[in-house]
Every structure is written in structure tokens, then in C-alpha cells.
Amino acid sequence: MKGPGLTLAATLLLSACTAPSDRDASDDTATLATPAPAPTPAASLDGSERIERRGLLLPIRTEDIENAELKGELACAFTNLKGHTLLIARANVGSQERSMGLARTGQGPILLMGLGRGGFGALETRAALGGEDANIWVETQGEPLADRSEAATRNASLRFTSGAEEPEPVPGTWTCGP
């Protein structure tokens, strides 16, 4: 069951982060309208391509966001170098708050819970989420990229495990804000 706050939050997240030209109508995935960082020697699409090809972690769809019951007044999203949103996390401000996240695997959307406390303040630079036999970690690098919005975007890498799978590093960006 969707709450009115979630619908509003999903709408705000998508309208703030998605430009109409950035959406691919054929797969109805949400993408962030932030420039992808230039690949560095250590950053390639290989990790992301392997994860998507094997159906381990797929782009989140608009209906996944609308149907999720994520709670939290502020949000972050991880976008790979292809522009696909692979993780959305929400949290309230407060050091005792836990974050909630949403990702999509080959079996469909999965809800994740923060593996520790720290609220939105902790989410801004790193995320550790787990649930349904899956764990996702996001680590940011450096200062926020230049931007003219309230959101802060940093270069980041995402690691995803499911079952006995080894974490695959995926380069991209981590964008956080209202």
C-alpha cells in the first residue's frame, strides 16, 4: 500500500533528478540527469555490465519507486556510468535513524535496510544496506561535483553481493538531497 508521502517523495525525486530526455520509454527506467564522471583507469563499465548481464542488479523502474514503501525525508541515488539508477536510499536526519533502500534484481525490486544507524548524515558519503540475501555498499570519493542544485553529487563506487557472489565494483555517482 502506498502512502501519500511516498508518492510525493517519488515524484519529487524523479522530477528533481530526471530530465524527460534522460528516460528511455522502452524500458521505463529512472535515470538521474547528472553528468556521468569521466572514467578513470580504475573505473570501467565492466563491473556494471557484468552485474546487469547476469541479472544481479538492474536499473530501478518508475513503478518500483511508486510501489516501494521507503521512509525518510531525504534521499540519495546511485547512478552507474550508463546513467542507470541502481539504488535509491532514504533516511531521516538523526544519528539514531536507519536508512531504507530500493534496488532491482532479476527477480524484481528488493527493499533494503541500513546495516547501521546514522540517518541521512551517514548516507551522504557512504551507504551500507542489506536484505533478502543481498548487500549493497556505496563509497564516495572526493568533494561534491560542481552543480547548481540543492543536491550534492559525488563520484562513487557501488559493491553488490547476493548469496555467495563476490562484490563487483560499479563506478558511478551518488547524489543526495531533498
Protein backbone atom coordinates (compact mmCIF):
# COMPACT_ATOMS: atom_id res chain seq x y z
CA MET A 1 0.00 0.00 0.00
CA LYS A 2 1.40 3.39 -0.97
CA GLY A 3 1.36 6.28 1.42
CA PRO A 4 0.79 9.84 0.18
CA GLY A 5 4.26 10.82 1.45
CA LEU A 6 5.92 8.13 -0.65
CA THR A 7 4.09 9.14 -3.81
CA LEU A 8 5.09 12.76 -3.24
CA ALA A 9 8.66 11.74 -2.40
CA ALA A 10 8.96 9.56 -5.51
CA THR A 11 7.53 12.33 -7.66
CA LEU A 12 9.92 14.89 -6.19
CA LEU A 13 12.90 12.56 -6.55
CA LEU A 14 12.08 11.79 -10.16
CA SER A 15 11.25 15.38 -11.10
CA ALA A 16 14.39 16.72 -9.43
CA CYS A 17 16.68 14.08 -10.88
CA THR A 18 15.15 13.01 -14.19
CA ALA A 19 15.04 15.05 -17.32
CA PRO A 20 12.47 13.94 -19.91
CA SER A 21 15.20 13.28 -22.48
CA ASP A 22 17.04 11.01 -19.99
CA ARG A 23 14.23 8.46 -19.77
CA ASP A 24 14.15 5.52 -22.13
CA ALA A 25 10.48 4.83 -22.80
CA SER A 26 11.25 1.29 -23.95
CA ASP A 27 12.39 0.12 -20.51
CA ASP A 28 10.77 2.75 -18.27
CA THR A 29 13.82 3.13 -16.02
CA ALA A 30 14.55 6.14 -13.85
CA THR A 31 17.84 7.94 -14.53
CA LEU A 32 19.50 10.90 -12.88
CA ALA A 33 20.14 13.96 -15.00
CA THR A 34 23.68 14.44 -13.71
CA PRO A 35 26.70 14.22 -15.93
CA ALA A 36 28.50 10.92 -15.65
CA PRO A 37 32.04 11.23 -14.34
CA ALA A 38 34.82 10.68 -16.82
CA PRO A 39 36.11 7.13 -16.49
CA THR A 40 39.45 6.85 -14.72
CA PRO A 41 41.89 4.00 -15.33
CA ALA A 42 40.33 2.13 -12.39
CA ALA A 43 36.75 2.89 -13.47
CA SER A 44 35.29 0.92 -16.35
CA LEU A 45 31.85 -0.27 -17.31
CA ASP A 46 32.98 -3.89 -16.86
CA GLY A 47 31.60 -4.32 -13.32
CA SER A 48 28.28 -2.73 -14.20
CA GLU A 49 27.95 -4.66 -17.44
CA ARG A 50 28.71 -7.99 -15.72
CA ILE A 51 26.18 -7.29 -12.97
CA GLU A 52 23.43 -6.27 -15.42
CA ARG A 53 24.17 -9.10 -17.88
CA ARG A 54 23.88 -11.68 -15.09
CA GLY A 55 20.65 -10.09 -13.82
CA LEU A 56 22.17 -9.41 -10.41
CA LEU A 57 21.44 -5.69 -10.25
CA LEU A 58 19.23 -3.96 -12.79
CA PRO A 59 18.03 -0.37 -13.29
CA ILE A 60 15.20 0.65 -10.97
CA ARG A 61 11.88 1.25 -12.75
CA THR A 62 9.48 4.07 -12.06
CA GLU A 63 6.81 1.65 -10.81
CA ASP A 64 9.35 0.15 -8.36
CA ILE A 65 9.70 3.56 -6.74
CA GLU A 66 5.96 4.18 -6.74
CA ASN A 67 5.22 0.80 -5.12
CA ALA A 68 8.01 0.86 -2.53
CA GLU A 69 7.33 1.97 1.00
CA LEU A 70 10.58 3.83 1.59
CA LYS A 71 10.51 6.15 4.57
CA GLY A 72 12.72 9.17 5.05
CA GLU A 73 12.63 12.87 4.38
CA LEU A 74 15.84 12.96 2.31
CA ALA A 75 17.14 10.66 -0.42
CA CYS A 76 20.28 9.52 -2.25
CA ALA A 77 20.59 7.65 -5.53
CA PHE A 78 23.44 5.73 -7.17
CA THR A 79 23.71 6.06 -10.95
CA ASN A 80 26.17 3.99 -12.96
CA LEU A 81 28.23 5.37 -15.86
CA LYS A 82 25.49 4.30 -18.29
CA GLY A 83 23.04 6.62 -16.49
CA HIS A 84 21.01 3.81 -14.87
CA THR A 85 19.79 4.31 -11.31
CA LEU A 86 20.72 1.11 -9.44
CA LEU A 87 19.97 2.15 -5.84
CA ILE A 88 17.75 4.66 -4.07
CA ALA A 89 18.11 5.15 -0.32
CA ARG A 90 16.05 7.35 2.02
CA ALA A 91 16.56 8.41 5.63
CA ASN A 92 15.52 10.98 8.17
CA VAL A 93 18.03 13.30 9.79
CA GLY A 94 19.25 11.97 13.13
CA SER A 95 22.14 9.86 14.33
CA GLN A 96 19.84 7.09 15.60
CA GLU A 97 17.88 6.79 12.34
CA ARG A 98 18.28 3.86 9.94
CA SER A 99 18.15 4.23 6.19
CA MET A 100 15.99 2.23 3.79
CA GLY A 101 16.89 1.40 0.22
CA LEU A 102 15.46 0.08 -3.02
CA ALA A 103 17.28 -1.90 -5.72
CA ARG A 104 16.18 -4.24 -8.52
CA THR A 105 17.50 -7.70 -9.28
CA GLY A 106 16.48 -10.22 -11.95
CA GLN A 107 13.74 -11.38 -9.56
CA GLY A 108 12.31 -7.85 -9.14
CA PRO A 109 12.61 -4.97 -6.68
CA ILE A 110 14.18 -5.57 -3.26
CA LEU A 111 13.84 -3.47 -0.13
CA LEU A 112 16.98 -2.98 1.93
CA MET A 113 17.60 -1.71 5.46
CA GLY A 114 20.60 0.24 6.68
CA LEU A 115 23.18 -2.05 8.28
CA GLY A 116 23.86 0.63 10.88
CA ARG A 117 22.49 3.87 12.22
CA GLY A 118 23.40 7.41 11.29
CA GLY A 119 20.44 8.72 9.32
CA PHE A 120 20.83 10.95 6.30
CA GLY A 121 24.14 12.35 7.55
CA ALA A 122 25.71 8.91 7.18
CA LEU A 123 24.13 8.37 3.75
CA GLU A 124 25.71 11.46 2.26
CA THR A 125 29.16 9.88 1.98
CA ARG A 126 28.53 6.12 2.22
CA ALA A 127 25.78 3.56 2.38
CA ALA A 128 25.64 0.02 3.74
CA LEU A 129 22.30 -1.68 3.13
CA GLY A 130 21.15 -5.28 3.30
CA GLY A 131 18.12 -7.51 2.90
CA GLU A 132 16.73 -10.58 1.11
CA ASP A 133 20.16 -12.24 0.83
CA ALA A 134 21.69 -9.13 -0.78
CA ASN A 135 24.04 -6.41 0.44
CA ILE A 136 24.97 -3.12 -1.22
CA TRP A 137 27.74 -0.73 -0.22
CA VAL A 138 28.37 2.71 -1.70
CA GLU A 139 31.62 4.59 -1.09
CA THR A 140 32.09 8.15 -2.32
CA GLN A 141 35.33 9.71 -3.47
CA GLY A 142 36.32 13.34 -3.16
CA GLU A 143 34.30 16.50 -2.83
CA PRO A 144 30.87 17.08 -4.41
CA LEU A 145 30.90 17.80 -8.14
CA ALA A 146 30.01 21.33 -9.25
CA ASP A 147 26.24 21.64 -9.51
CA ARG A 148 23.62 24.38 -9.30
CA SER A 149 21.08 22.46 -7.24
CA GLU A 150 20.48 21.63 -3.59
CA ALA A 151 21.62 18.07 -4.26
CA ALA A 152 25.25 17.03 -3.74
CA THR A 153 26.72 14.65 -6.33
CA ARG A 154 29.96 12.78 -5.72
CA ASN A 155 31.89 10.19 -7.72
CA ALA A 156 31.27 6.83 -6.08
CA SER A 157 31.56 3.10 -6.41
CA LEU A 158 28.89 0.56 -5.55
CA ARG A 159 29.56 -3.03 -4.49
CA PHE A 160 26.77 -5.58 -4.62
CA THR A 161 26.65 -9.12 -3.24
CA SER A 162 23.93 -11.72 -3.39
CA GLY A 163 24.41 -15.10 -1.75
CA ALA A 164 27.97 -16.29 -2.24
CA GLU A 165 28.73 -13.79 -5.03
CA GLU A 166 31.87 -11.68 -4.68
CA PRO A 167 31.27 -7.92 -4.64
CA GLU A 168 31.55 -6.35 -8.09
CA PRO A 169 32.67 -2.71 -8.02
CA VAL A 170 30.49 -0.47 -10.18
CA PRO A 171 31.66 3.13 -10.84
CA GLY A 172 29.15 5.97 -10.96
CA THR A 173 27.80 8.88 -8.94
CA TRP A 174 26.00 9.19 -5.57
CA THR A 175 23.55 12.09 -5.48
CA CYS A 176 21.94 13.16 -2.19
CA GLY A 177 19.45 15.86 -1.33
CA PRO A 178 15.85 16.78 -0.66
